[in-house]
Every structure is written in C-alpha cells, then in structure tokens.
Amino acid sequence: MFNLNNPKIIDNLQNQFLKKNLPKIKIGDNIRVGVKIIEGNKERVQFYEGTVIAKKNSSINTAITVRKVLQGIGVERIFLVHSPKVDSIKVLRSSKIRRSKLYYLRNLKGKASRLKQQF
C-alpha cells in the first residue's frame, strides 16, 4: 500500500506531467498562448494573445493570468501552464516592470496602459 502523505511519491508523480520546453515567462511579457479547442469531433488550436499580469508558481499548478483588451473591454484568462489543453506558449516581447502583480492595469485605458519595452 502507498503512503500518499510522502512528498517524494507525489513529486515523482507530478514530474512526469511537467512540460520541459516552456519559455521563461515573466510578469509584463506579451505572450501568445495556443489553446486546444474541441469543436464537434475536430480539434484545433486557438491563440490567445495578451499581457501576463500575474503568475502563481507551485510546480505542476503553475498558473498565469493573461489580460487583453477586446473591443474596449478587458478580458482576463487564467492558464495552467502544464495543462494538456495548453499547446504552446510564445513570448512576443518583454516589458520593464517593478511589481509582481500588474492588477493596476485594470484601471488604465488606452496609451496609459502601455508598458515600457525591455530589450
């Protein structure tokens, strides 16, 4: 019988499902996330492009919050990075930021919500 309270067993199980080929994602990055979508009996990849405003790290449960403005309305979506639904993640550009969470972008509009690019 397995003792599931043993952290080594849980870590070994989780390491099997971790994705190895992920880019280094930082807060303030503009990224393009490819999400697998099933329509009827077909499967396709739909891309979601926006700014990373929050990141939560805990091995297999690593999650990022991506925000984009669509027709004047802010849309946020939370992605589990290691989920099988996430097909690909590509960093388009990085920004120079000084905070770990960019929730203040929710209150800004237009040019005020731009972040300085980091080269």
PDB file of N, CA and C in Angstrom:
ATOM      1  N   MET A   1       0.848  -1.183   0.000  1.00  0.00           N
ATOM      2  CA  MET A   1       0.000   0.000   0.000  1.00  0.00           C
ATOM      3  C   MET A   1       0.893   1.245   0.000  1.00  0.00           C
ATOM      4  N   PHE A   2       0.493   2.260  -0.773  1.00  0.00           N
ATOM      5  CA  PHE A   2       1.245   3.501  -0.864  1.00  0.00           C
ATOM      6  C   PHE A   2       0.838   4.448   0.247  1.00  0.00           C
ATOM      7  N   ASN A   3       1.828   5.173   0.744  1.00  0.00           N
ATOM      8  CA  ASN A   3       1.562   6.228   1.703  1.00  0.00           C
ATOM      9  C   ASN A   3       1.553   7.549   0.931  1.00  0.00           C
ATOM     10  N   LEU A   4       0.391   8.092   0.635  1.00  0.00           N
ATOM     11  CA  LEU A   4       0.293   9.295  -0.190  1.00  0.00           C
ATOM     12  C   LEU A   4       0.696  10.558   0.552  1.00  0.00           C
ATOM     13  N   ASN A   5       0.981  10.450   1.843  1.00  0.00           N
ATOM     14  CA  ASN A   5       1.456  11.611   2.584  1.00  0.00           C
ATOM     15  C   ASN A   5       2.948  11.838   2.373  1.00  0.00           C
ATOM     16  N   ASN A   6       3.609  10.906   1.715  1.00  0.00           N
ATOM     17  CA  ASN A   6       5.032  11.031   1.448  1.00  0.00           C
ATOM     18  C   ASN A   6       5.231  11.996   0.269  1.00  0.00           C
ATOM     19  N   PRO A   7       5.924  13.139   0.482  1.00  0.00           N
ATOM     20  CA  PRO A   7       6.066  14.124  -0.591  1.00  0.00           C
ATOM     21  C   PRO A   7       6.905  13.628  -1.768  1.00  0.00           C
ATOM     22  N   LYS A   8       7.792  12.659  -1.556  1.00  0.00           N
ATOM     23  CA  LYS A   8       8.617  12.167  -2.665  1.00  0.00           C
ATOM     24  C   LYS A   8       7.768  11.450  -3.702  1.00  0.00           C
ATOM     25  N   ILE A   9       6.792  10.693  -3.270  1.00  0.00           N
ATOM     26  CA  ILE A   9       5.928   9.969  -4.196  1.00  0.00           C
ATOM     27  C   ILE A   9       5.116  10.950  -5.029  1.00  0.00           C
ATOM     28  N   ILE A  10       4.599  11.989  -4.382  1.00  0.00           N
ATOM     29  CA  ILE A  10       3.793  12.991  -5.087  1.00  0.00           C
ATOM     30  C   ILE A  10       4.660  13.762  -6.079  1.00  0.00           C
ATOM     31  N   ASP A  11       5.887  14.138  -5.675  1.00  0.00           N
ATOM     32  CA  ASP A  11       6.784  14.859  -6.573  1.00  0.00           C
ATOM     33  C   ASP A  11       7.142  14.025  -7.791  1.00  0.00           C
ATOM     34  N   ASN A  12       7.430  12.746  -7.586  1.00  0.00           N
ATOM     35  CA  ASN A  12       7.772  11.879  -8.713  1.00  0.00           C
ATOM     36  C   ASN A  12       6.602  11.748  -9.682  1.00  0.00           C
ATOM     37  N   LEU A  13       5.395  11.655  -9.151  1.00  0.00           N
ATOM     38  CA  LEU A  13       4.212  11.552  -9.991  1.00  0.00           C
ATOM     39  C   LEU A  13       3.990  12.843 -10.781  1.00  0.00           C
ATOM     40  N   GLN A  14       4.164  13.986 -10.124  1.00  0.00           N
ATOM     41  CA  GLN A  14       3.957  15.271 -10.795  1.00  0.00           C
ATOM     42  C   GLN A  14       5.022  15.539 -11.847  1.00  0.00           C
ATOM     43  N   ASN A  15       6.258  15.116 -11.616  1.00  0.00           N
ATOM     44  CA  ASN A  15       7.349  15.380 -12.561  1.00  0.00           C
ATOM     45  C   ASN A  15       7.115  14.709 -13.906  1.00  0.00           C
ATOM     46  N   GLN A  16       6.329  13.663 -13.952  1.00  0.00           N
ATOM     47  CA  GLN A  16       6.029  13.010 -15.219  1.00  0.00           C
ATOM     48  C   GLN A  16       5.214  13.914 -16.140  1.00  0.00           C
ATOM     49  N   PHE A  17       4.409  14.797 -15.559  1.00  0.00           N
ATOM     50  CA  PHE A  17       3.487  15.614 -16.341  1.00  0.00           C
ATOM     51  C   PHE A  17       3.978  17.040 -16.564  1.00  0.00           C
ATOM     52  N   LEU A  18       5.137  17.413 -16.031  1.00  0.00           N
ATOM     53  CA  LEU A  18       5.668  18.752 -16.230  1.00  0.00           C
ATOM     54  C   LEU A  18       6.157  18.904 -17.665  1.00  0.00           C
ATOM     55  N   LYS A  19       5.876  20.045 -18.283  1.00  0.00           N
ATOM     56  CA  LYS A  19       6.371  20.325 -19.633  1.00  0.00           C
ATOM     57  C   LYS A  19       7.805  20.832 -19.535  1.00  0.00           C
ATOM     58  N   LYS A  20       8.655  20.335 -20.408  1.00  0.00           N
ATOM     59  CA  LYS A  20      10.080  20.674 -20.350  1.00  0.00           C
ATOM     60  C   LYS A  20      10.452  21.838 -21.262  1.00  0.00           C
ATOM     61  N   ASN A  21       9.674  22.061 -22.329  1.00  0.00           N
ATOM     62  CA  ASN A  21      10.079  23.021 -23.360  1.00  0.00           C
ATOM     63  C   ASN A  21       9.378  24.377 -23.239  1.00  0.00           C
ATOM     64  N   LEU A  22       9.126  24.832 -22.023  1.00  0.00           N
ATOM     65  CA  LEU A  22       8.441  26.112 -21.822  1.00  0.00           C
ATOM     66  C   LEU A  22       9.437  27.262 -21.815  1.00  0.00           C
ATOM     67  N   PRO A  23       9.048  28.417 -22.380  1.00  0.00           N
ATOM     68  CA  PRO A  23       9.929  29.581 -22.306  1.00  0.00           C
ATOM     69  C   PRO A  23       9.900  30.191 -20.909  1.00  0.00           C
ATOM     70  N   LYS A  24      10.837  31.064 -20.633  1.00  0.00           N
ATOM     71  CA  LYS A  24      10.891  31.773 -19.362  1.00  0.00           C
ATOM     72  C   LYS A  24       9.828  32.874 -19.402  1.00  0.00           C
ATOM     73  N   ILE A  25       8.772  32.711 -18.619  1.00  0.00           N
ATOM     74  CA  ILE A  25       7.662  33.662 -18.619  1.00  0.00           C
ATOM     75  C   ILE A  25       7.803  34.568 -17.407  1.00  0.00           C
ATOM     76  N   LYS A  26       7.777  35.893 -17.663  1.00  0.00           N
ATOM     77  CA  LYS A  26       7.879  36.865 -16.585  1.00  0.00           C
ATOM     78  C   LYS A  26       6.626  37.738 -16.595  1.00  0.00           C
ATOM     79  N   ILE A  27       6.401  38.410 -15.492  1.00  0.00           N
ATOM     80  CA  ILE A  27       5.293  39.353 -15.407  1.00  0.00           C
ATOM     81  C   ILE A  27       5.573  40.503 -16.375  1.00  0.00           C
ATOM     82  N   GLY A  28       4.548  40.952 -17.091  1.00  0.00           N
ATOM     83  CA  GLY A  28       4.711  42.052 -18.035  1.00  0.00           C
ATOM     84  C   GLY A  28       5.034  41.599 -19.444  1.00  0.00           C
ATOM     85  N   ASP A  29       5.242  40.312 -19.672  1.00  0.00           N
ATOM     86  CA  ASP A  29       5.521  39.805 -21.013  1.00  0.00           C
ATOM     87  C   ASP A  29       4.249  39.805 -21.847  1.00  0.00           C
ATOM     88  N   ASN A  30       4.389  40.132 -23.125  1.00  0.00           N
ATOM     89  CA  ASN A  30       3.303  39.897 -24.073  1.00  0.00           C
ATOM     90  C   ASN A  30       3.514  38.496 -24.613  1.00  0.00           C
ATOM     91  N   ILE A  31       2.518  37.638 -24.457  1.00  0.00           N
ATOM     92  CA  ILE A  31       2.682  36.257 -24.880  1.00  0.00           C
ATOM     93  C   ILE A  31       1.522  35.833 -25.777  1.00  0.00           C
ATOM     94  N   ARG A  32       1.770  34.764 -26.525  1.00  0.00           N
ATOM     95  CA  ARG A  32       0.732  34.141 -27.342  1.00  0.00           C
ATOM     96  C   ARG A  32       0.599  32.700 -26.869  1.00  0.00           C
ATOM     97  N   VAL A  33      -0.577  32.373 -26.347  1.00  0.00           N
ATOM     98  CA  VAL A  33      -0.845  31.037 -25.819  1.00  0.00           C
ATOM     99  C   VAL A  33      -1.728  30.298 -26.815  1.00  0.00           C
ATOM    100  N   GLY A  34      -1.280  29.134 -27.248  1.00  0.00           N
ATOM    101  CA  GLY A  34      -2.083  28.290 -28.124  1.00  0.00           C
ATOM    102  C   GLY A  34      -2.890  27.318 -27.279  1.00  0.00           C
ATOM    103  N   VAL A  35      -4.221  27.410 -27.368  1.00  0.00           N
ATOM    104  CA  VAL A  35      -5.103  26.587 -26.546  1.00  0.00           C
ATOM    105  C   VAL A  35      -5.835  25.597 -27.456  1.00  0.00           C
ATOM    106  N   LYS A  36      -5.820  24.333 -27.071  1.00  0.00           N
ATOM    107  CA  LYS A  36      -6.535  23.319 -27.849  1.00  0.00           C
ATOM    108  C   LYS A  36      -8.031  23.440 -27.575  1.00  0.00           C
ATOM    109  N   ILE A  37      -8.805  23.493 -28.660  1.00  0.00           N
ATOM    110  CA  ILE A  37     -10.255  23.610 -28.553  1.00  0.00           C
ATOM    111  C   ILE A  37     -10.874  22.480 -29.357  1.00  0.00           C
ATOM    112  N   ILE A  38     -11.862  21.821 -28.768  1.00  0.00           N
ATOM    113  CA  ILE A  38     -12.556  20.734 -29.451  1.00  0.00           C
ATOM    114  C   ILE A  38     -13.917  21.252 -29.910  1.00  0.00           C
ATOM    115  N   GLU A  39     -14.143  21.214 -31.229  1.00  0.00           N
ATOM    116  CA  GLU A  39     -15.423  21.623 -31.811  1.00  0.00           C
ATOM    117  C   GLU A  39     -16.010  20.409 -32.508  1.00  0.00           C
ATOM    118  N   GLY A  40     -17.042  19.859 -31.941  1.00  0.00           N
ATOM    119  CA  GLY A  40     -17.629  18.645 -32.504  1.00  0.00           C
ATOM    120  C   GLY A  40     -16.644  17.500 -32.356  1.00  0.00           C
ATOM    121  N   ASN A  41     -16.193  16.957 -33.484  1.00  0.00           N
ATOM    122  CA  ASN A  41     -15.182  15.891 -33.422  1.00  0.00           C
ATOM    123  C   ASN A  41     -13.829  16.366 -33.927  1.00  0.00           C
ATOM    124  N   LYS A  42     -13.689  17.675 -34.151  1.00  0.00           N
ATOM    125  CA  LYS A  42     -12.419  18.235 -34.615  1.00  0.00           C
ATOM    126  C   LYS A  42     -11.714  18.935 -33.466  1.00  0.00           C
ATOM    127  N   GLU A  43     -10.398  18.920 -33.514  1.00  0.00           N
ATOM    128  CA  GLU A  43      -9.595  19.635 -32.520  1.00  0.00           C
ATOM    129  C   GLU A  43      -8.721  20.633 -33.249  1.00  0.00           C
ATOM    130  N   ARG A  44      -8.697  21.875 -32.753  1.00  0.00           N
ATOM    131  CA  ARG A  44      -7.859  22.900 -33.360  1.00  0.00           C
ATOM    132  C   ARG A  44      -7.207  23.726 -32.268  1.00  0.00           C
ATOM    133  N   VAL A  45      -6.245  24.549 -32.680  1.00  0.00           N
ATOM    134  CA  VAL A  45      -5.526  25.402 -31.733  1.00  0.00           C
ATOM    135  C   VAL A  45      -5.969  26.842 -31.949  1.00  0.00           C
ATOM    136  N   GLN A  46      -6.433  27.474 -30.875  1.00  0.00           N
ATOM    137  CA  GLN A  46      -6.816  28.881 -30.929  1.00  0.00           C
ATOM    138  C   GLN A  46      -5.816  29.669 -30.098  1.00  0.00           C
ATOM    139  N   PHE A  47      -5.341  30.786 -30.639  1.00  0.00           N
ATOM    140  CA  PHE A  47      -4.324  31.579 -29.953  1.00  0.00           C
ATOM    141  C   PHE A  47      -4.967  32.703 -29.158  1.00  0.00           C
ATOM    142  N   TYR A  48      -4.412  32.926 -27.970  1.00  0.00           N
ATOM    143  CA  TYR A  48      -4.864  33.980 -27.069  1.00  0.00           C
ATOM    144  C   TYR A  48      -3.636  34.831 -26.784  1.00  0.00           C
ATOM    145  N   GLU A  49      -3.694  36.105 -27.160  1.00  0.00           N
ATOM    146  CA  GLU A  49      -2.531  36.974 -27.051  1.00  0.00           C
ATOM    147  C   GLU A  49      -2.815  38.100 -26.067  1.00  0.00           C
ATOM    148  N   GLY A  50      -1.892  38.306 -25.130  1.00  0.00           N
ATOM    149  CA  GLY A  50      -2.089  39.371 -24.152  1.00  0.00           C
ATOM    150  C   GLY A  50      -0.887  39.528 -23.243  1.00  0.00           C
ATOM    151  N   THR A  51      -1.072  40.305 -22.197  1.00  0.00           N
ATOM    152  CA  THR A  51      -0.017  40.630 -21.241  1.00  0.00           C
ATOM    153  C   THR A  51      -0.180  39.794 -19.982  1.00  0.00           C
ATOM    154  N   VAL A  52       0.924  39.252 -19.493  1.00  0.00           N
ATOM    155  CA  VAL A  52       0.905  38.481 -18.243  1.00  0.00           C
ATOM    156  C   VAL A  52       0.846  39.485 -17.090  1.00  0.00           C
ATOM    157  N   ILE A  53      -0.245  39.445 -16.305  1.00  0.00           N
ATOM    158  CA  ILE A  53      -0.369  40.387 -15.195  1.00  0.00           C
ATOM    159  C   ILE A  53      -0.146  39.713 -13.853  1.00  0.00           C
ATOM    160  N   ALA A  54      -0.164  38.378 -13.818  1.00  0.00           N
ATOM    161  CA  ALA A  54       0.058  37.674 -12.557  1.00  0.00           C
ATOM    162  C   ALA A  54       0.588  36.285 -12.863  1.00  0.00           C
ATOM    163  N   LYS A  55       1.346  35.752 -11.912  1.00  0.00           N
ATOM    164  CA  LYS A  55       1.894  34.412 -12.049  1.00  0.00           C
ATOM    165  C   LYS A  55       1.905  33.765 -10.673  1.00  0.00           C
ATOM    166  N   LYS A  56       1.477  32.509 -10.629  1.00  0.00           N
ATOM    167  CA  LYS A  56       1.474  31.746  -9.391  1.00  0.00           C
ATOM    168  C   LYS A  56       2.289  30.487  -9.623  1.00  0.00           C
ATOM    169  N   ASN A  57       3.321  30.283  -8.832  1.00  0.00           N
ATOM    170  CA  ASN A  57       4.222  29.155  -9.025  1.00  0.00           C
ATOM    171  C   ASN A  57       4.023  28.114  -7.938  1.00  0.00           C
ATOM    172  N   SER A  58       3.761  26.886  -8.358  1.00  0.00           N
ATOM    173  CA  SER A  58       3.824  25.751  -7.441  1.00  0.00           C
ATOM    174  C   SER A  58       3.870  24.485  -8.289  1.00  0.00           C
ATOM    175  N   SER A  59       5.021  24.204  -8.826  1.00  0.00           N
ATOM    176  CA  SER A  59       5.345  23.053  -9.674  1.00  0.00           C
ATOM    177  C   SER A  59       4.284  22.808 -10.741  1.00  0.00           C
ATOM    178  N   ILE A  60       3.490  21.773 -10.612  1.00  0.00           N
ATOM    179  CA  ILE A  60       2.547  21.422 -11.673  1.00  0.00           C
ATOM    180  C   ILE A  60       1.361  22.372 -11.717  1.00  0.00           C
ATOM    181  N   ASN A  61       1.089  23.097 -10.649  1.00  0.00           N
ATOM    182  CA  ASN A  61      -0.040  24.019 -10.603  1.00  0.00           C
ATOM    183  C   ASN A  61       0.334  25.445 -10.987  1.00  0.00           C
ATOM    184  N   THR A  62       1.443  25.638 -11.682  1.00  0.00           N
ATOM    185  CA  THR A  62       1.856  26.969 -12.099  1.00  0.00           C
ATOM    186  C   THR A  62       0.800  27.571 -13.016  1.00  0.00           C
ATOM    187  N   ALA A  63       0.339  28.773 -12.672  1.00  0.00           N
ATOM    188  CA  ALA A  63      -0.713  29.424 -13.437  1.00  0.00           C
ATOM    189  C   ALA A  63      -0.302  30.853 -13.778  1.00  0.00           C
ATOM    190  N   ILE A  64      -0.733  31.315 -14.953  1.00  0.00           N
ATOM    191  CA  ILE A  64      -0.500  32.696 -15.357  1.00  0.00           C
ATOM    192  C   ILE A  64      -1.842  33.324 -15.701  1.00  0.00           C
ATOM    193  N   THR A  65      -1.973  34.609 -15.387  1.00  0.00           N
ATOM    194  CA  THR A  65      -3.163  35.367 -15.743  1.00  0.00           C
ATOM    195  C   THR A  65      -2.791  36.275 -16.902  1.00  0.00           C
ATOM    196  N   VAL A  66      -3.497  36.127 -18.016  1.00  0.00           N
ATOM    197  CA  VAL A  66      -3.202  36.886 -19.230  1.00  0.00           C
ATOM    198  C   VAL A  66      -4.365  37.830 -19.488  1.00  0.00           C
ATOM    199  N   ARG A  67      -4.039  39.097 -19.740  1.00  0.00           N
ATOM    200  CA  ARG A  67      -5.061  40.129 -19.961  1.00  0.00           C
ATOM    201  C   ARG A  67      -4.906  40.716 -21.347  1.00  0.00           C
ATOM    202  N   LYS A  68      -6.034  40.881 -22.026  1.00  0.00           N
ATOM    203  CA  LYS A  68      -6.042  41.603 -23.292  1.00  0.00           C
ATOM    204  C   LYS A  68      -7.298  42.461 -23.343  1.00  0.00           C
ATOM    205  N   VAL A  69      -7.259  43.501 -24.172  1.00  0.00           N
ATOM    206  CA  VAL A  69      -8.412  44.371 -24.336  1.00  0.00           C
ATOM    207  C   VAL A  69      -9.037  44.038 -25.678  1.00  0.00           C
ATOM    208  N   LEU A  70     -10.300  43.642 -25.642  1.00  0.00           N
ATOM    209  CA  LEU A  70     -11.009  43.208 -26.840  1.00  0.00           C
ATOM    210  C   LEU A  70     -12.232  44.101 -27.028  1.00  0.00           C
ATOM    211  N   GLN A  71     -12.230  44.909 -28.080  1.00  0.00           N
ATOM    212  CA  GLN A  71     -13.316  45.843 -28.388  1.00  0.00           C
ATOM    213  C   GLN A  71     -13.636  46.746 -27.203  1.00  0.00           C
ATOM    214  N   GLY A  72     -12.586  47.247 -26.553  1.00  0.00           N
ATOM    215  CA  GLY A  72     -12.751  48.186 -25.449  1.00  0.00           C
ATOM    216  C   GLY A  72     -13.065  47.549 -24.116  1.00  0.00           C
ATOM    217  N   ILE A  73     -13.138  46.225 -24.055  1.00  0.00           N
ATOM    218  CA  ILE A  73     -13.439  45.530 -22.804  1.00  0.00           C
ATOM    219  C   ILE A  73     -12.239  44.672 -22.427  1.00  0.00           C
ATOM    220  N   GLY A  74     -11.799  44.795 -21.178  1.00  0.00           N
ATOM    221  CA  GLY A  74     -10.670  43.994 -20.700  1.00  0.00           C
ATOM    222  C   GLY A  74     -11.104  42.561 -20.438  1.00  0.00           C
ATOM    223  N   VAL A  75     -10.344  41.607 -20.975  1.00  0.00           N
ATOM    224  CA  VAL A  75     -10.638  40.194 -20.807  1.00  0.00           C
ATOM    225  C   VAL A  75      -9.419  39.533 -20.179  1.00  0.00           C
ATOM    226  N   GLU A  76      -9.637  38.838 -19.063  1.00  0.00           N
ATOM    227  CA  GLU A  76      -8.545  38.123 -18.406  1.00  0.00           C
ATOM    228  C   GLU A  76      -8.833  36.639 -18.425  1.00  0.00           C
ATOM    229  N   ARG A  77      -7.774  35.861 -18.582  1.00  0.00           N
ATOM    230  CA  ARG A  77      -7.934  34.420 -18.610  1.00  0.00           C
ATOM    231  C   ARG A  77      -6.771  33.802 -17.851  1.00  0.00           C
ATOM    232  N   ILE A  78      -7.056  32.798 -17.061  1.00  0.00           N
ATOM    233  CA  ILE A  78      -6.039  32.119 -16.269  1.00  0.00           C
ATOM    234  C   ILE A  78      -5.715  30.790 -16.953  1.00  0.00           C
ATOM    235  N   PHE A  79      -4.421  30.553 -17.194  1.00  0.00           N
ATOM    236  CA  PHE A  79      -3.973  29.327 -17.833  1.00  0.00           C
ATOM    237  C   PHE A  79      -3.098  28.541 -16.874  1.00  0.00           C
ATOM    238  N   LEU A  80      -3.360  27.245 -16.762  1.00  0.00           N
ATOM    239  CA  LEU A  80      -2.424  26.349 -16.093  1.00  0.00           C
ATOM    240  C   LEU A  80      -1.348  26.014 -17.115  1.00  0.00           C
ATOM    241  N   VAL A  81      -0.107  26.372 -16.822  1.00  0.00           N
ATOM    242  CA  VAL A  81       0.973  26.285 -17.794  1.00  0.00           C
ATOM    243  C   VAL A  81       1.226  24.844 -18.232  1.00  0.00           C
ATOM    244  N   HIS A  82       1.129  23.896 -17.310  1.00  0.00           N
ATOM    245  CA  HIS A  82       1.441  22.498 -17.613  1.00  0.00           C
ATOM    246  C   HIS A  82       0.216  21.692 -18.044  1.00  0.00           C
ATOM    247  N   SER A  83      -0.889  22.369 -18.304  1.00  0.00           N
ATOM    248  CA  SER A  83      -2.113  21.682 -18.697  1.00  0.00           C
ATOM    249  C   SER A  83      -1.981  21.090 -20.100  1.00  0.00           C
ATOM    250  N   PRO A  84      -2.592  19.936 -20.345  1.00  0.00           N
ATOM    251  CA  PRO A  84      -2.577  19.385 -21.702  1.00  0.00           C
ATOM    252  C   PRO A  84      -3.389  20.228 -22.691  1.00  0.00           C
ATOM    253  N   LYS A  85      -4.277  21.095 -22.210  1.00  0.00           N
ATOM    254  CA  LYS A  85      -5.045  21.985 -23.086  1.00  0.00           C
ATOM    255  C   LYS A  85      -4.172  23.095 -23.676  1.00  0.00           C
ATOM    256  N   VAL A  86      -3.083  23.453 -22.997  1.00  0.00           N
ATOM    257  CA  VAL A  86      -2.180  24.488 -23.492  1.00  0.00           C
ATOM    258  C   VAL A  86      -1.202  23.829 -24.452  1.00  0.00           C
ATOM    259  N   ASP A  87      -1.294  24.231 -25.724  1.00  0.00           N
ATOM    260  CA  ASP A  87      -0.469  23.615 -26.759  1.00  0.00           C
ATOM    261  C   ASP A  87       0.913  24.258 -26.823  1.00  0.00           C
ATOM    262  N   SER A  88       0.955  25.593 -26.829  1.00  0.00           N
ATOM    263  CA  SER A  88       2.234  26.287 -26.952  1.00  0.00           C
ATOM    264  C   SER A  88       2.141  27.646 -26.268  1.00  0.00           C
ATOM    265  N   ILE A  89       3.309  28.132 -25.846  1.00  0.00           N
ATOM    266  CA  ILE A  89       3.421  29.474 -25.276  1.00  0.00           C
ATOM    267  C   ILE A  89       4.620  30.129 -25.931  1.00  0.00           C
ATOM    268  N   LYS A  90       4.404  31.321 -26.476  1.00  0.00           N
ATOM    269  CA  LYS A  90       5.492  32.047 -27.131  1.00  0.00           C
ATOM    270  C   LYS A  90       5.555  33.454 -26.559  1.00  0.00           C
ATOM    271  N   VAL A  91       6.746  33.875 -26.124  1.00  0.00           N
ATOM    272  CA  VAL A  91       6.938  35.229 -25.598  1.00  0.00           C
ATOM    273  C   VAL A  91       7.192  36.152 -26.781  1.00  0.00           C
ATOM    274  N   LEU A  92       6.320  37.154 -26.960  1.00  0.00           N
ATOM    275  CA  LEU A  92       6.450  38.080 -28.080  1.00  0.00           C
ATOM    276  C   LEU A  92       7.337  39.267 -27.730  1.00  0.00           C
ATOM    277  N   ARG A  93       7.161  39.807 -26.521  1.00  0.00           N
ATOM    278  CA  ARG A  93       8.017  40.914 -26.078  1.00  0.00           C
ATOM    279  C   ARG A  93       7.987  41.011 -24.568  1.00  0.00           C
ATOM    280  N   SER A  94       9.061  41.522 -23.994  1.00  0.00           N
ATOM    281  CA  SER A  94       9.163  41.682 -22.547  1.00  0.00           C
ATOM    282  C   SER A  94       9.060  43.155 -22.192  1.00  0.00           C
ATOM    283  N   SER A  95       8.574  43.415 -20.992  1.00  0.00           N
ATOM    284  CA  SER A  95       8.423  44.786 -20.516  1.00  0.00           C
ATOM    285  C   SER A  95       9.182  44.968 -19.218  1.00  0.00           C
ATOM    286  N   LYS A  96       9.596  46.204 -18.997  1.00  0.00           N
ATOM    287  CA  LYS A  96      10.306  46.558 -17.771  1.00  0.00           C
ATOM    288  C   LYS A  96       9.270  46.915 -16.713  1.00  0.00           C
ATOM    289  N   ILE A  97       9.198  46.120 -15.660  1.00  0.00           N
ATOM    290  CA  ILE A  97       8.208  46.352 -14.617  1.00  0.00           C
ATOM    291  C   ILE A  97       8.883  46.266 -13.257  1.00  0.00           C
ATOM    292  N   ARG A  98       8.199  46.782 -12.231  1.00  0.00           N
ATOM    293  CA  ARG A  98       8.770  46.798 -10.887  1.00  0.00           C
ATOM    294  C   ARG A  98       7.845  46.180  -9.862  1.00  0.00           C
ATOM    295  N   ARG A  99       6.816  45.470 -10.318  1.00  0.00           N
ATOM    296  CA  ARG A  99       5.858  44.840  -9.407  1.00  0.00           C
ATOM    297  C   ARG A  99       5.675  43.379  -9.776  1.00  0.00           C
ATOM    298  N   SER A 100       5.178  42.613  -8.821  1.00  0.00           N
ATOM    299  CA  SER A 100       4.963  41.197  -9.089  1.00  0.00           C
ATOM    300  C   SER A 100       3.562  40.924  -9.611  1.00  0.00           C
ATOM    301  N   LYS A 101       2.622  41.836  -9.391  1.00  0.00           N
ATOM    302  CA  LYS A 101       1.266  41.709  -9.909  1.00  0.00           C
ATOM    303  C   LYS A 101       0.875  43.037 -10.554  1.00  0.00           C
ATOM    304  N   LEU A 102       0.363  42.987 -11.768  1.00  0.00           N
ATOM    305  CA  LEU A 102       0.037  44.211 -12.500  1.00  0.00           C
ATOM    306  C   LEU A 102      -1.467  44.471 -12.531  1.00  0.00           C
ATOM    307  N   TYR A 103      -2.117  44.298 -11.378  1.00  0.00           N
ATOM    308  CA  TYR A 103      -3.560  44.490 -11.324  1.00  0.00           C
ATOM    309  C   TYR A 103      -3.967  45.935 -11.581  1.00  0.00           C
ATOM    310  N   TYR A 104      -3.038  46.884 -11.430  1.00  0.00           N
ATOM    311  CA  TYR A 104      -3.369  48.282 -11.656  1.00  0.00           C
ATOM    312  C   TYR A 104      -3.689  48.546 -13.129  1.00  0.00           C
ATOM    313  N   LEU A 105      -3.306  47.638 -14.037  1.00  0.00           N
ATOM    314  CA  LEU A 105      -3.630  47.826 -15.452  1.00  0.00           C
ATOM    315  C   LEU A 105      -5.127  47.731 -15.717  1.00  0.00           C
ATOM    316  N   ARG A 106      -5.868  47.144 -14.787  1.00  0.00           N
ATOM    317  CA  ARG A 106      -7.314  47.024 -14.951  1.00  0.00           C
ATOM    318  C   ARG A 106      -7.988  48.390 -14.964  1.00  0.00           C
ATOM    319  N   ASN A 107      -7.384  49.357 -14.282  1.00  0.00           N
ATOM    320  CA  ASN A 107      -7.986  50.690 -14.167  1.00  0.00           C
ATOM    321  C   ASN A 107      -7.502  51.660 -15.230  1.00  0.00           C
ATOM    322  N   LEU A 108      -6.552  51.258 -16.070  1.00  0.00           N
ATOM    323  CA  LEU A 108      -5.987  52.153 -17.072  1.00  0.00           C
ATOM    324  C   LEU A 108      -6.572  51.837 -18.440  1.00  0.00           C
ATOM    325  N   LYS A 109      -6.628  52.862 -19.308  1.00  0.00           N
ATOM    326  CA  LYS A 109      -7.169  52.687 -20.653  1.00  0.00           C
ATOM    327  C   LYS A 109      -6.211  53.291 -21.665  1.00  0.00           C
ATOM    328  N   GLY A 110      -6.262  52.776 -22.870  1.00  0.00           N
ATOM    329  CA  GLY A 110      -5.527  53.364 -23.988  1.00  0.00           C
ATOM    330  C   GLY A 110      -4.026  53.367 -23.796  1.00  0.00           C
ATOM    331  N   LYS A 111      -3.422  54.520 -24.128  1.00  0.00           N
ATOM    332  CA  LYS A 111      -1.970  54.612 -24.067  1.00  0.00           C
ATOM    333  C   LYS A 111      -1.431  54.527 -22.648  1.00  0.00           C
ATOM    334  N   ALA A 112      -2.245  54.866 -21.663  1.00  0.00           N
ATOM    335  CA  ALA A 112      -1.802  54.823 -20.272  1.00  0.00           C
ATOM    336  C   ALA A 112      -1.491  53.400 -19.824  1.00  0.00           C
ATOM    337  N   SER A 113      -2.086  52.410 -20.479  1.00  0.00           N
ATOM    338  CA  SER A 113      -1.892  51.034 -20.060  1.00  0.00           C
ATOM    339  C   SER A 113      -0.681  50.373 -20.726  1.00  0.00           C
ATOM    340  N   ARG A 114       0.086  51.127 -21.520  1.00  0.00           N
ATOM    341  CA  ARG A 114       1.261  50.549 -22.173  1.00  0.00           C
ATOM    342  C   ARG A 114       2.385  50.383 -21.162  1.00  0.00           C
ATOM    343  N   LEU A 115       3.209  49.365 -21.385  1.00  0.00           N
ATOM    344  CA  LEU A 115       4.369  49.115 -20.544  1.00  0.00           C
ATOM    345  C   LEU A 115       5.630  49.394 -21.352  1.00  0.00           C
ATOM    346  N   LYS A 116       6.691  49.860 -20.677  1.00  0.00           N
ATOM    347  CA  LYS A 116       7.947  50.136 -21.371  1.00  0.00           C
ATOM    348  C   LYS A 116       8.599  48.828 -21.782  1.00  0.00           C
ATOM    349  N   GLN A 117       9.048  48.792 -23.011  1.00  0.00           N
ATOM    350  CA  GLN A 117       9.648  47.560 -23.546  1.00  0.00           C
ATOM    351  C   GLN A 117      11.053  47.379 -23.000  1.00  0.00           C
ATOM    352  N   GLN A 118      11.384  46.119 -22.710  1.00  0.00           N
ATOM    353  CA  GLN A 118      12.724  45.778 -22.227  1.00  0.00           C
ATOM    354  C   GLN A 118      13.445  45.051 -23.351  1.00  0.00           C
ATOM    355  N   PHE A 119      14.647  45.516 -23.696  1.00  0.00           N
ATOM    356  CA  PHE A 119      15.394  44.922 -24.803  1.00  0.00           C
ATOM    357  C   PHE A 119      16.433  43.954 -24.319  1.00  0.00           C
TER     358      PHE A 119
END
